[in-house]
Amino acid sequence: MKDLLPLCFSELFAVVLSGFSLIFFVALYVYR
């Protein structure tokens, strides 16, 4: 279980980061 936690956290971080960058680019395109 302890070995699974960092993997799950890194995957969650990657998903959040990709979602945030997507929202950032959409906002950049809209407010241009």
Protein backbone atom coordinates (compact mmCIF):
# COMPACT_ATOMS: atom_id res chain seq x y z
CA MET A 1 0.00 0.00 0.00
CA LYS A 2 2.87 2.36 0.76
CA ASP A 3 4.37 1.71 -2.68
CA LEU A 4 1.05 2.46 -4.35
CA LEU A 5 0.59 5.90 -2.80
CA PRO A 6 3.36 7.82 -4.65
CA LEU A 7 2.27 6.29 -7.96
CA CYS A 8 -1.35 7.29 -7.41
CA PHE A 9 -0.29 10.76 -6.27
CA SER A 10 1.95 11.31 -9.30
CA GLU A 11 -0.82 10.15 -11.64
CA LEU A 12 -3.31 12.47 -9.96
CA PHE A 13 -0.79 15.32 -10.19
CA ALA A 14 -0.30 14.67 -13.91
CA VAL A 15 -4.07 14.69 -14.52
CA VAL A 16 -4.52 17.92 -12.54
CA LEU A 17 -1.58 19.55 -14.32
CA SER A 18 -2.88 18.62 -17.78
CA GLY A 19 -6.37 19.83 -16.90
CA PHE A 20 -5.00 23.12 -15.54
CA SER A 21 -2.89 23.71 -18.66
CA LEU A 22 -5.92 22.97 -20.85
CA ILE A 23 -8.04 25.51 -18.93
CA PHE A 24 -5.16 28.00 -19.11
CA PHE A 25 -4.86 27.71 -22.90
CA VAL A 26 -8.65 27.98 -23.35
CA ALA A 27 -8.74 31.11 -21.16
CA LEU A 28 -5.78 32.54 -23.08
CA TYR A 29 -7.59 31.91 -26.37
CA VAL A 30 -10.87 33.41 -25.13
CA TYR A 31 -9.44 36.53 -23.47
CA ARG A 32 -7.05 37.32 -26.28
